[in-house]
Amino acid sequence: MAKLMRSLYTRKGREKNGLVPVEGIRFVSEALSAARRGVTAVEALFYEAGFNEKGPEQQALLEAAGTAARQIFCCSPSVFRQLTSTETPQGIAAAVTRPVFPQHSSCGREFYLVVDRVQDPGNLGTMIRTAAAAGVDGVLCLKGTVDPFNPKALRATMGAVFRVPITFYSGSQELLEELSGRGCRLIAADIDGEQYHFEANYSGCIGIVVGNEGQGIDPGLLSAAAVRVRIPLALGVESLNAAVACGILLYEAVRFRHLEGTALSGPAP
């Protein structure tokens, strides 16, 4: 199992085994919670000798693992360090299956994040974490986007991969056909957009599109957008970090949809 765990830090190993590595107290706790919801399965859990003596949080985590993990291994400090990729491991790690979420019927108000070829794993992980916090119904990634289960991307999600579905598409046409069938409009982040982001209508079923850090959104996908929005920048500033722009747009949509819901429901009695 130790050899298998080490192999999960490569894309080939993750794809071959259908497993991903998680490390640290918070991340393993998220994985165990997801396993109880049926979203993932904890195939193997590893902890460093003495971990359970560090405090009540560590003891509770191992007790929870006892009912959720299929196999549990206590490792010497030297072996445990070989199983992890972080410089200062917290003494616990696990090999878990890729998350699978239940399918839900369309309600006409789905809220998606569309990621087009974002390359930096830290950016993608932060975007997934932000999307989960904003309550999106799914993160839709186009071919060319970095693997969200890359260890650096995983760490940046802070466990959000267990809270929001992530789907990959082979090309923009496949994505567009699926979203069109759901009646979804695309709202694309574009430095030359015709509207400011706070002027757009975010009602109904929408997909907010954020593109590659250097090249932006693929022209075919950009042309399919119902509206292109730009975020105002100070004179001389060319662009924002992709994850920052993503957060601004997602939470503008959250604000708009919250106010829209309040208006539709009327004043409180």
C-alpha atoms as a PDB file:
ATOM      1  CA  MET A   1       0.000   0.000   0.000  1.00  0.00           C
ATOM      2  CA  ALA A   2       2.915   2.340   0.650  1.00  0.00           C
ATOM      3  CA  LYS A   3       4.078   1.938  -2.958  1.00  0.00           C
ATOM      4  CA  LEU A   4       0.558   2.609  -4.224  1.00  0.00           C
ATOM      5  CA  MET A   5       0.265   5.754  -2.082  1.00  0.00           C
ATOM      6  CA  ARG A   6       3.528   7.134  -3.465  1.00  0.00           C
ATOM      7  CA  SER A   7       2.374   6.459  -7.034  1.00  0.00           C
ATOM      8  CA  LEU A   8      -0.647   8.750  -6.544  1.00  0.00           C
ATOM      9  CA  TYR A   9       1.574  11.822  -6.674  1.00  0.00           C
ATOM     10  CA  THR A  10       1.907  11.239 -10.421  1.00  0.00           C
ATOM     11  CA  ARG A  11      -0.932  11.655 -12.929  1.00  0.00           C
ATOM     12  CA  LYS A  12      -0.212   8.204 -14.350  1.00  0.00           C
ATOM     13  CA  GLY A  13      -0.540   6.625 -10.907  1.00  0.00           C
ATOM     14  CA  ARG A  14      -3.802   8.449 -10.155  1.00  0.00           C
ATOM     15  CA  GLU A  15      -5.347   7.432 -13.482  1.00  0.00           C
ATOM     16  CA  LYS A  16      -4.166   3.830 -13.218  1.00  0.00           C
ATOM     17  CA  ASN A  17      -5.522   3.302  -9.706  1.00  0.00           C
ATOM     18  CA  GLY A  18      -8.510   5.643  -9.750  1.00  0.00           C
ATOM     19  CA  LEU A  19      -7.331   7.096  -6.449  1.00  0.00           C
ATOM     20  CA  VAL A  20      -6.084  10.471  -5.225  1.00  0.00           C
ATOM     21  CA  PRO A  21      -3.864  11.326  -2.237  1.00  0.00           C
ATOM     22  CA  VAL A  22      -5.041  13.604   0.567  1.00  0.00           C
ATOM     23  CA  GLU A  23      -2.893  14.885   3.420  1.00  0.00           C
ATOM     24  CA  GLY A  24      -3.392  16.728   6.662  1.00  0.00           C
ATOM     25  CA  ILE A  25      -6.023  16.864   9.383  1.00  0.00           C
ATOM     26  CA  ARG A  26      -8.516  19.110   7.602  1.00  0.00           C
ATOM     27  CA  PHE A  27      -8.281  17.402   4.230  1.00  0.00           C
ATOM     28  CA  VAL A  28      -8.563  13.874   5.653  1.00  0.00           C
ATOM     29  CA  SER A  29     -11.507  15.029   7.779  1.00  0.00           C
ATOM     30  CA  GLU A  30     -13.223  16.337   4.614  1.00  0.00           C
ATOM     31  CA  ALA A  31     -12.570  13.019   2.874  1.00  0.00           C
ATOM     32  CA  LEU A  32     -14.037  11.020   5.772  1.00  0.00           C
ATOM     33  CA  SER A  33     -17.111  13.258   5.804  1.00  0.00           C
ATOM     34  CA  ALA A  34     -17.494  12.778   2.033  1.00  0.00           C
ATOM     35  CA  ALA A  35     -17.166   9.011   2.476  1.00  0.00           C
ATOM     36  CA  ARG A  36     -20.061   9.032   4.953  1.00  0.00           C
ATOM     37  CA  ARG A  37     -22.132  10.916   2.325  1.00  0.00           C
ATOM     38  CA  GLY A  38     -21.227   8.327  -0.321  1.00  0.00           C
ATOM     39  CA  VAL A  39     -19.232  10.806  -2.432  1.00  0.00           C
ATOM     40  CA  THR A  40     -15.903   8.994  -2.076  1.00  0.00           C
ATOM     41  CA  ALA A  41     -14.383   5.920  -0.439  1.00  0.00           C
ATOM     42  CA  VAL A  42     -11.293   5.937   1.771  1.00  0.00           C
ATOM     43  CA  GLU A  43      -9.307   2.948   0.507  1.00  0.00           C
ATOM     44  CA  ALA A  44      -6.397   3.362   2.893  1.00  0.00           C
ATOM     45  CA  LEU A  45      -5.503   5.711   5.738  1.00  0.00           C
ATOM     46  CA  PHE A  46      -1.959   6.186   7.046  1.00  0.00           C
ATOM     47  CA  TYR A  47      -0.952   7.848  10.286  1.00  0.00           C
ATOM     48  CA  GLU A  48       2.363   8.473  11.934  1.00  0.00           C
ATOM     49  CA  ALA A  49       3.118   6.647  15.168  1.00  0.00           C
ATOM     50  CA  GLY A  50       2.135   8.912  18.055  1.00  0.00           C
ATOM     51  CA  PHE A  51      -0.412  10.881  16.020  1.00  0.00           C
ATOM     52  CA  ASN A  52      -3.273   9.735  18.246  1.00  0.00           C
ATOM     53  CA  GLU A  53      -1.438  11.033  21.331  1.00  0.00           C
ATOM     54  CA  LYS A  54      -1.152  14.628  20.083  1.00  0.00           C
ATOM     55  CA  GLY A  55      -4.588  15.733  21.252  1.00  0.00           C
ATOM     56  CA  PRO A  56      -8.363  15.172  21.195  1.00  0.00           C
ATOM     57  CA  GLU A  57      -8.708  16.348  17.569  1.00  0.00           C
ATOM     58  CA  GLN A  58      -6.289  13.689  16.384  1.00  0.00           C
ATOM     59  CA  GLN A  59      -7.956  11.002  18.524  1.00  0.00           C
ATOM     60  CA  ALA A  60     -11.402  11.905  17.183  1.00  0.00           C
ATOM     61  CA  LEU A  61     -10.138  11.798  13.598  1.00  0.00           C
ATOM     62  CA  LEU A  62      -8.746   8.278  14.021  1.00  0.00           C
ATOM     63  CA  GLU A  63     -11.981   7.144  15.663  1.00  0.00           C
ATOM     64  CA  ALA A  64     -13.943   8.514  12.696  1.00  0.00           C
ATOM     65  CA  ALA A  65     -11.531   6.767  10.320  1.00  0.00           C
ATOM     66  CA  GLY A  66     -12.238   3.469  12.047  1.00  0.00           C
ATOM     67  CA  THR A  67     -15.777   3.418  10.632  1.00  0.00           C
ATOM     68  CA  ALA A  68     -15.022   4.942   7.216  1.00  0.00           C
ATOM     69  CA  ALA A  69     -11.572   3.777   6.049  1.00  0.00           C
ATOM     70  CA  ARG A  70     -11.229   0.320   4.539  1.00  0.00           C
ATOM     71  CA  GLN A  71      -7.643  -0.111   5.735  1.00  0.00           C
ATOM     72  CA  ILE A  72      -5.672   1.790   8.387  1.00  0.00           C
ATOM     73  CA  PHE A  73      -1.889   1.691   8.766  1.00  0.00           C
ATOM     74  CA  CYS A  74       0.305   3.048  11.560  1.00  0.00           C
ATOM     75  CA  CYS A  75       3.699   4.071  10.133  1.00  0.00           C
ATOM     76  CA  SER A  76       7.067   4.991  11.568  1.00  0.00           C
ATOM     77  CA  PRO A  77       8.032   8.658  11.041  1.00  0.00           C
ATOM     78  CA  SER A  78      10.543   7.746   8.320  1.00  0.00           C
ATOM     79  CA  VAL A  79       8.022   5.650   6.371  1.00  0.00           C
ATOM     80  CA  PHE A  80       5.288   8.248   6.755  1.00  0.00           C
ATOM     81  CA  ARG A  81       7.493  10.989   5.305  1.00  0.00           C
ATOM     82  CA  GLN A  82       7.967   8.837   2.204  1.00  0.00           C
ATOM     83  CA  LEU A  83       4.180   8.676   1.750  1.00  0.00           C
ATOM     84  CA  THR A  84       3.585  12.425   1.686  1.00  0.00           C
ATOM     85  CA  SER A  85       4.603  15.366  -0.477  1.00  0.00           C
ATOM     86  CA  THR A  86       4.379  18.261   1.980  1.00  0.00           C
ATOM     87  CA  GLU A  87       7.503  19.569   3.693  1.00  0.00           C
ATOM     88  CA  THR A  88       5.901  19.502   7.146  1.00  0.00           C
ATOM     89  CA  PRO A  89       3.291  16.697   7.128  1.00  0.00           C
ATOM     90  CA  GLN A  90       0.657  16.690   9.890  1.00  0.00           C
ATOM     91  CA  GLY A  91       0.915  12.971  10.550  1.00  0.00           C
ATOM     92  CA  ILE A  92      -2.091  11.697   8.628  1.00  0.00           C
ATOM     93  CA  ALA A  93      -2.823  10.946   4.950  1.00  0.00           C
ATOM     94  CA  ALA A  94      -5.160   8.806   2.875  1.00  0.00           C
ATOM     95  CA  ALA A  95      -5.748   7.293  -0.555  1.00  0.00           C
ATOM     96  CA  VAL A  96      -9.342   7.945  -1.633  1.00  0.00           C
ATOM     97  CA  THR A  97     -11.431   7.340  -4.744  1.00  0.00           C
ATOM     98  CA  ARG A  98     -12.246  10.241  -7.042  1.00  0.00           C
ATOM     99  CA  PRO A  99     -15.425  11.952  -5.844  1.00  0.00           C
ATOM    100  CA  VAL A 100     -18.680  10.969  -7.559  1.00  0.00           C
ATOM    101  CA  PHE A 101     -21.783  13.056  -6.914  1.00  0.00           C
ATOM    102  CA  PRO A 102     -25.452  12.094  -7.387  1.00  0.00           C
ATOM    103  CA  GLN A 103     -27.226  13.450 -10.470  1.00  0.00           C
ATOM    104  CA  HIS A 104     -29.955  16.051  -9.955  1.00  0.00           C
ATOM    105  CA  SER A 105     -32.748  17.068 -12.294  1.00  0.00           C
ATOM    106  CA  SER A 106     -32.574  20.558 -13.792  1.00  0.00           C
ATOM    107  CA  CYS A 107     -34.330  23.369 -11.930  1.00  0.00           C
ATOM    108  CA  GLY A 108     -33.589  26.135 -14.467  1.00  0.00           C
ATOM    109  CA  ARG A 109     -31.389  28.034 -12.001  1.00  0.00           C
ATOM    110  CA  GLU A 110     -28.166  26.033 -12.139  1.00  0.00           C
ATOM    111  CA  PHE A 111     -24.997  27.961 -11.473  1.00  0.00           C
ATOM    112  CA  TYR A 112     -21.765  26.692 -13.047  1.00  0.00           C
ATOM    113  CA  LEU A 113     -18.135  27.694 -13.263  1.00  0.00           C
ATOM    114  CA  VAL A 114     -16.598  26.916 -16.668  1.00  0.00           C
ATOM    115  CA  VAL A 115     -12.791  26.650 -16.660  1.00  0.00           C
ATOM    116  CA  ASP A 116     -11.036  26.920 -20.013  1.00  0.00           C
ATOM    117  CA  ARG A 117      -7.449  25.596 -20.013  1.00  0.00           C
ATOM    118  CA  VAL A 118      -6.293  27.115 -16.719  1.00  0.00           C
ATOM    119  CA  GLN A 119      -2.747  25.808 -16.309  1.00  0.00           C
ATOM    120  CA  ASP A 120      -1.603  26.739 -12.825  1.00  0.00           C
ATOM    121  CA  PRO A 121      -2.641  24.113 -10.238  1.00  0.00           C
ATOM    122  CA  GLY A 122      -2.743  26.707  -7.466  1.00  0.00           C
ATOM    123  CA  ASN A 123      -5.112  28.856  -9.518  1.00  0.00           C
ATOM    124  CA  LEU A 124      -7.412  25.947 -10.321  1.00  0.00           C
ATOM    125  CA  GLY A 125      -7.477  24.736  -6.728  1.00  0.00           C
ATOM    126  CA  THR A 126      -8.355  28.216  -5.489  1.00  0.00           C
ATOM    127  CA  MET A 127     -11.082  28.518  -8.123  1.00  0.00           C
ATOM    128  CA  ILE A 128     -12.633  25.200  -7.054  1.00  0.00           C
ATOM    129  CA  ARG A 129     -12.511  26.260  -3.405  1.00  0.00           C
ATOM    130  CA  THR A 130     -14.168  29.584  -4.244  1.00  0.00           C
ATOM    131  CA  ALA A 131     -16.786  27.875  -6.416  1.00  0.00           C
ATOM    132  CA  ALA A 132     -17.738  25.541  -3.581  1.00  0.00           C
ATOM    133  CA  ALA A 133     -18.015  28.487  -1.184  1.00  0.00           C
ATOM    134  CA  ALA A 134     -20.209  30.388  -3.668  1.00  0.00           C
ATOM    135  CA  GLY A 135     -22.551  27.416  -3.963  1.00  0.00           C
ATOM    136  CA  VAL A 136     -22.025  26.547  -7.624  1.00  0.00           C
ATOM    137  CA  ASP A 137     -23.634  23.361  -8.913  1.00  0.00           C
ATOM    138  CA  GLY A 138     -20.552  22.200 -10.781  1.00  0.00           C
ATOM    139  CA  VAL A 139     -17.103  23.097 -12.096  1.00  0.00           C
ATOM    140  CA  LEU A 140     -16.926  22.301 -15.822  1.00  0.00           C
ATOM    141  CA  CYS A 141     -13.351  21.982 -17.114  1.00  0.00           C
ATOM    142  CA  LEU A 142     -12.321  21.942 -20.753  1.00  0.00           C
ATOM    143  CA  LYS A 143      -9.520  19.777 -22.134  1.00  0.00           C
ATOM    144  CA  GLY A 144      -6.178  21.445 -21.484  1.00  0.00           C
ATOM    145  CA  THR A 145      -7.064  22.433 -17.921  1.00  0.00           C
ATOM    146  CA  VAL A 146      -4.591  21.174 -15.322  1.00  0.00           C
ATOM    147  CA  ASP A 147      -5.577  18.031 -13.407  1.00  0.00           C
ATOM    148  CA  PRO A 148      -7.603  19.155 -10.347  1.00  0.00           C
ATOM    149  CA  PHE A 149      -6.228  16.133  -8.465  1.00  0.00           C
ATOM    150  CA  ASN A 150      -2.656  17.301  -8.952  1.00  0.00           C
ATOM    151  CA  PRO A 151      -1.269  17.458  -5.362  1.00  0.00           C
ATOM    152  CA  LYS A 152      -0.710  21.232  -5.519  1.00  0.00           C
ATOM    153  CA  ALA A 153      -4.211  21.823  -6.906  1.00  0.00           C
ATOM    154  CA  LEU A 154      -5.705  19.504  -4.289  1.00  0.00           C
ATOM    155  CA  ARG A 155      -4.018  21.378  -1.439  1.00  0.00           C
ATOM    156  CA  ALA A 156      -5.320  24.688  -2.814  1.00  0.00           C
ATOM    157  CA  THR A 157      -8.905  23.344  -2.827  1.00  0.00           C
ATOM    158  CA  MET A 158      -8.726  22.761   0.949  1.00  0.00           C
ATOM    159  CA  GLY A 159     -11.039  19.785   0.508  1.00  0.00           C
ATOM    160  CA  ALA A 160     -13.564  21.522  -1.762  1.00  0.00           C
ATOM    161  CA  VAL A 161     -13.193  18.703  -4.338  1.00  0.00           C
ATOM    162  CA  PHE A 162     -15.467  16.726  -1.998  1.00  0.00           C
ATOM    163  CA  ARG A 163     -18.144  19.429  -2.014  1.00  0.00           C
ATOM    164  CA  VAL A 164     -18.620  20.391  -5.674  1.00  0.00           C
ATOM    165  CA  PRO A 165     -18.787  18.143  -8.771  1.00  0.00           C
ATOM    166  CA  ILE A 166     -15.945  18.549 -11.299  1.00  0.00           C
ATOM    167  CA  THR A 167     -16.551  17.428 -14.890  1.00  0.00           C
ATOM    168  CA  PHE A 168     -14.127  17.382 -17.829  1.00  0.00           C
ATOM    169  CA  TYR A 169     -15.101  17.927 -21.472  1.00  0.00           C
ATOM    170  CA  SER A 170     -13.106  16.936 -24.545  1.00  0.00           C
ATOM    171  CA  GLY A 171     -13.907  20.207 -26.309  1.00  0.00           C
ATOM    172  CA  SER A 172     -16.046  23.327 -26.260  1.00  0.00           C
ATOM    173  CA  GLN A 173     -18.652  21.846 -28.630  1.00  0.00           C
ATOM    174  CA  GLU A 174     -19.477  19.021 -26.233  1.00  0.00           C
ATOM    175  CA  LEU A 175     -19.815  21.509 -23.388  1.00  0.00           C
ATOM    176  CA  LEU A 176     -21.940  23.949 -25.400  1.00  0.00           C
ATOM    177  CA  GLU A 177     -24.349  21.230 -26.516  1.00  0.00           C
ATOM    178  CA  GLU A 178     -24.881  20.070 -22.950  1.00  0.00           C
ATOM    179  CA  LEU A 179     -25.395  23.573 -21.562  1.00  0.00           C
ATOM    180  CA  SER A 180     -27.679  24.510 -24.448  1.00  0.00           C
ATOM    181  CA  GLY A 181     -29.845  21.513 -23.600  1.00  0.00           C
ATOM    182  CA  ARG A 182     -30.199  22.860 -20.077  1.00  0.00           C
ATOM    183  CA  GLY A 183     -31.064  26.365 -21.295  1.00  0.00           C
ATOM    184  CA  CYS A 184     -27.869  27.812 -19.820  1.00  0.00           C
ATOM    185  CA  ARG A 185     -26.360  31.179 -20.766  1.00  0.00           C
ATOM    186  CA  LEU A 186     -22.611  31.722 -20.707  1.00  0.00           C
ATOM    187  CA  ILE A 187     -21.164  34.832 -19.093  1.00  0.00           C
ATOM    188  CA  ALA A 188     -17.536  35.174 -20.134  1.00  0.00           C
ATOM    189  CA  ALA A 189     -14.739  37.082 -18.429  1.00  0.00           C
ATOM    190  CA  ASP A 190     -13.116  39.174 -21.155  1.00  0.00           C
ATOM    191  CA  ILE A 191     -10.857  42.204 -20.840  1.00  0.00           C
ATOM    192  CA  ASP A 192     -12.658  43.686 -23.875  1.00  0.00           C
ATOM    193  CA  GLY A 193     -16.140  42.826 -22.598  1.00  0.00           C
ATOM    194  CA  GLU A 194     -19.061  45.064 -23.547  1.00  0.00           C
ATOM    195  CA  GLN A 195     -20.323  45.373 -19.953  1.00  0.00           C
ATOM    196  CA  TYR A 196     -18.790  45.781 -16.534  1.00  0.00           C
ATOM    197  CA  HIS A 197     -19.258  42.655 -14.435  1.00  0.00           C
ATOM    198  CA  PHE A 198     -21.645  44.476 -12.087  1.00  0.00           C
ATOM    199  CA  GLU A 199     -23.949  45.429 -14.981  1.00  0.00           C
ATOM    200  CA  ALA A 200     -24.689  41.880 -16.150  1.00  0.00           C
ATOM    201  CA  ASN A 201     -27.804  39.808 -15.530  1.00  0.00           C
ATOM    202  CA  TYR A 202     -26.918  36.617 -13.636  1.00  0.00           C
ATOM    203  CA  SER A 203     -30.428  35.162 -13.379  1.00  0.00           C
ATOM    204  CA  GLY A 204     -31.540  31.710 -14.499  1.00  0.00           C
ATOM    205  CA  CYS A 205     -29.181  28.923 -15.522  1.00  0.00           C
ATOM    206  CA  ILE A 206     -25.711  30.401 -16.064  1.00  0.00           C
ATOM    207  CA  GLY A 207     -22.122  29.376 -16.595  1.00  0.00           C
ATOM    208  CA  ILE A 208     -19.383  31.854 -15.728  1.00  0.00           C
ATOM    209  CA  VAL A 209     -16.381  31.276 -17.999  1.00  0.00           C
ATOM    210  CA  VAL A 210     -12.792  31.975 -16.939  1.00  0.00           C
ATOM    211  CA  GLY A 211     -10.011  31.336 -19.437  1.00  0.00           C
ATOM    212  CA  ASN A 212      -6.354  30.479 -19.668  1.00  0.00           C
ATOM    213  CA  GLU A 213      -3.980  32.749 -17.736  1.00  0.00           C
ATOM    214  CA  GLY A 214      -2.146  33.970 -20.839  1.00  0.00           C
ATOM    215  CA  GLN A 215      -4.461  33.346 -23.798  1.00  0.00           C
ATOM    216  CA  GLY A 216      -7.862  33.969 -22.236  1.00  0.00           C
ATOM    217  CA  ILE A 217     -10.971  32.122 -23.403  1.00  0.00           C
ATOM    218  CA  ASP A 218     -10.959  30.051 -26.590  1.00  0.00           C
ATOM    219  CA  PRO A 219     -12.467  32.187 -29.417  1.00  0.00           C
ATOM    220  CA  GLY A 220     -15.128  29.571 -30.230  1.00  0.00           C
ATOM    221  CA  LEU A 221     -16.288  29.465 -26.640  1.00  0.00           C
ATOM    222  CA  LEU A 222     -16.103  33.239 -26.291  1.00  0.00           C
ATOM    223  CA  SER A 223     -18.300  33.734 -29.370  1.00  0.00           C
ATOM    224  CA  ALA A 224     -20.938  31.467 -27.835  1.00  0.00           C
ATOM    225  CA  ALA A 225     -21.223  33.598 -24.694  1.00  0.00           C
ATOM    226  CA  ALA A 226     -24.469  35.489 -24.179  1.00  0.00           C
ATOM    227  CA  VAL A 227     -22.498  38.350 -22.684  1.00  0.00           C
ATOM    228  CA  ARG A 228     -18.837  39.229 -22.165  1.00  0.00           C
ATOM    229  CA  VAL A 229     -18.025  41.135 -18.989  1.00  0.00           C
ATOM    230  CA  ARG A 230     -14.955  43.032 -17.888  1.00  0.00           C
ATOM    231  CA  ILE A 231     -13.750  43.902 -14.421  1.00  0.00           C
ATOM    232  CA  PRO A 232     -12.699  47.548 -14.086  1.00  0.00           C
ATOM    233  CA  LEU A 233      -8.944  48.004 -13.658  1.00  0.00           C
ATOM    234  CA  ALA A 234      -6.882  51.026 -12.710  1.00  0.00           C
ATOM    235  CA  LEU A 235      -4.995  52.792 -15.488  1.00  0.00           C
ATOM    236  CA  GLY A 236      -1.871  50.849 -16.457  1.00  0.00           C
ATOM    237  CA  VAL A 237      -3.024  47.539 -14.964  1.00  0.00           C
ATOM    238  CA  GLU A 238      -3.418  44.937 -17.705  1.00  0.00           C
ATOM    239  CA  SER A 239      -5.164  42.043 -15.983  1.00  0.00           C
ATOM    240  CA  LEU A 240      -6.027  40.173 -12.806  1.00  0.00           C
ATOM    241  CA  ASN A 241      -4.926  36.754 -11.631  1.00  0.00           C
ATOM    242  CA  ALA A 242      -7.374  34.147 -13.011  1.00  0.00           C
ATOM    243  CA  ALA A 243      -8.421  32.913  -9.565  1.00  0.00           C
ATOM    244  CA  VAL A 244      -9.005  36.472  -8.324  1.00  0.00           C
ATOM    245  CA  ALA A 245     -11.126  37.340 -11.379  1.00  0.00           C
ATOM    246  CA  CYS A 246     -13.051  34.107 -10.876  1.00  0.00           C
ATOM    247  CA  GLY A 247     -13.865  35.015  -7.274  1.00  0.00           C
ATOM    248  CA  ILE A 248     -15.040  38.503  -8.212  1.00  0.00           C
ATOM    249  CA  LEU A 249     -17.414  37.177 -10.878  1.00  0.00           C
ATOM    250  CA  LEU A 250     -18.769  34.296  -8.818  1.00  0.00           C
ATOM    251  CA  TYR A 251     -19.616  36.525  -5.897  1.00  0.00           C
ATOM    252  CA  GLU A 252     -21.153  39.175  -8.107  1.00  0.00           C
ATOM    253  CA  ALA A 253     -23.443  36.397  -9.344  1.00  0.00           C
ATOM    254  CA  VAL A 254     -24.154  35.363  -5.735  1.00  0.00           C
ATOM    255  CA  ARG A 255     -25.025  38.981  -4.851  1.00  0.00           C
ATOM    256  CA  PHE A 256     -27.280  39.391  -7.903  1.00  0.00           C
ATOM    257  CA  ARG A 257     -29.102  36.104  -7.332  1.00  0.00           C
ATOM    258  CA  HIS A 258     -29.575  36.823  -3.638  1.00  0.00           C
ATOM    259  CA  LEU A 259     -31.114  40.223  -4.338  1.00  0.00           C
ATOM    260  CA  GLU A 260     -33.224  38.707  -7.116  1.00  0.00           C
ATOM    261  CA  GLY A 261     -34.542  36.068  -4.728  1.00  0.00           C
ATOM    262  CA  THR A 262     -35.323  38.693  -2.117  1.00  0.00           C
ATOM    263  CA  ALA A 263     -37.227  40.778  -4.666  1.00  0.00           C
ATOM    264  CA  LEU A 264     -39.210  37.769  -5.881  1.00  0.00           C
ATOM    265  CA  SER A 265     -40.174  36.683  -2.382  1.00  0.00           C
ATOM    266  CA  GLY A 266     -41.308  40.189  -1.401  1.00  0.00           C
ATOM    267  CA  PRO A 267     -40.788  42.017   1.876  1.00  0.00           C
ATOM    268  CA  ALA A 268     -40.786  40.116   5.152  1.00  0.00           C
ATOM    269  CA  PRO A 269     -44.115  40.262   7.042  1.00  0.00           C
END
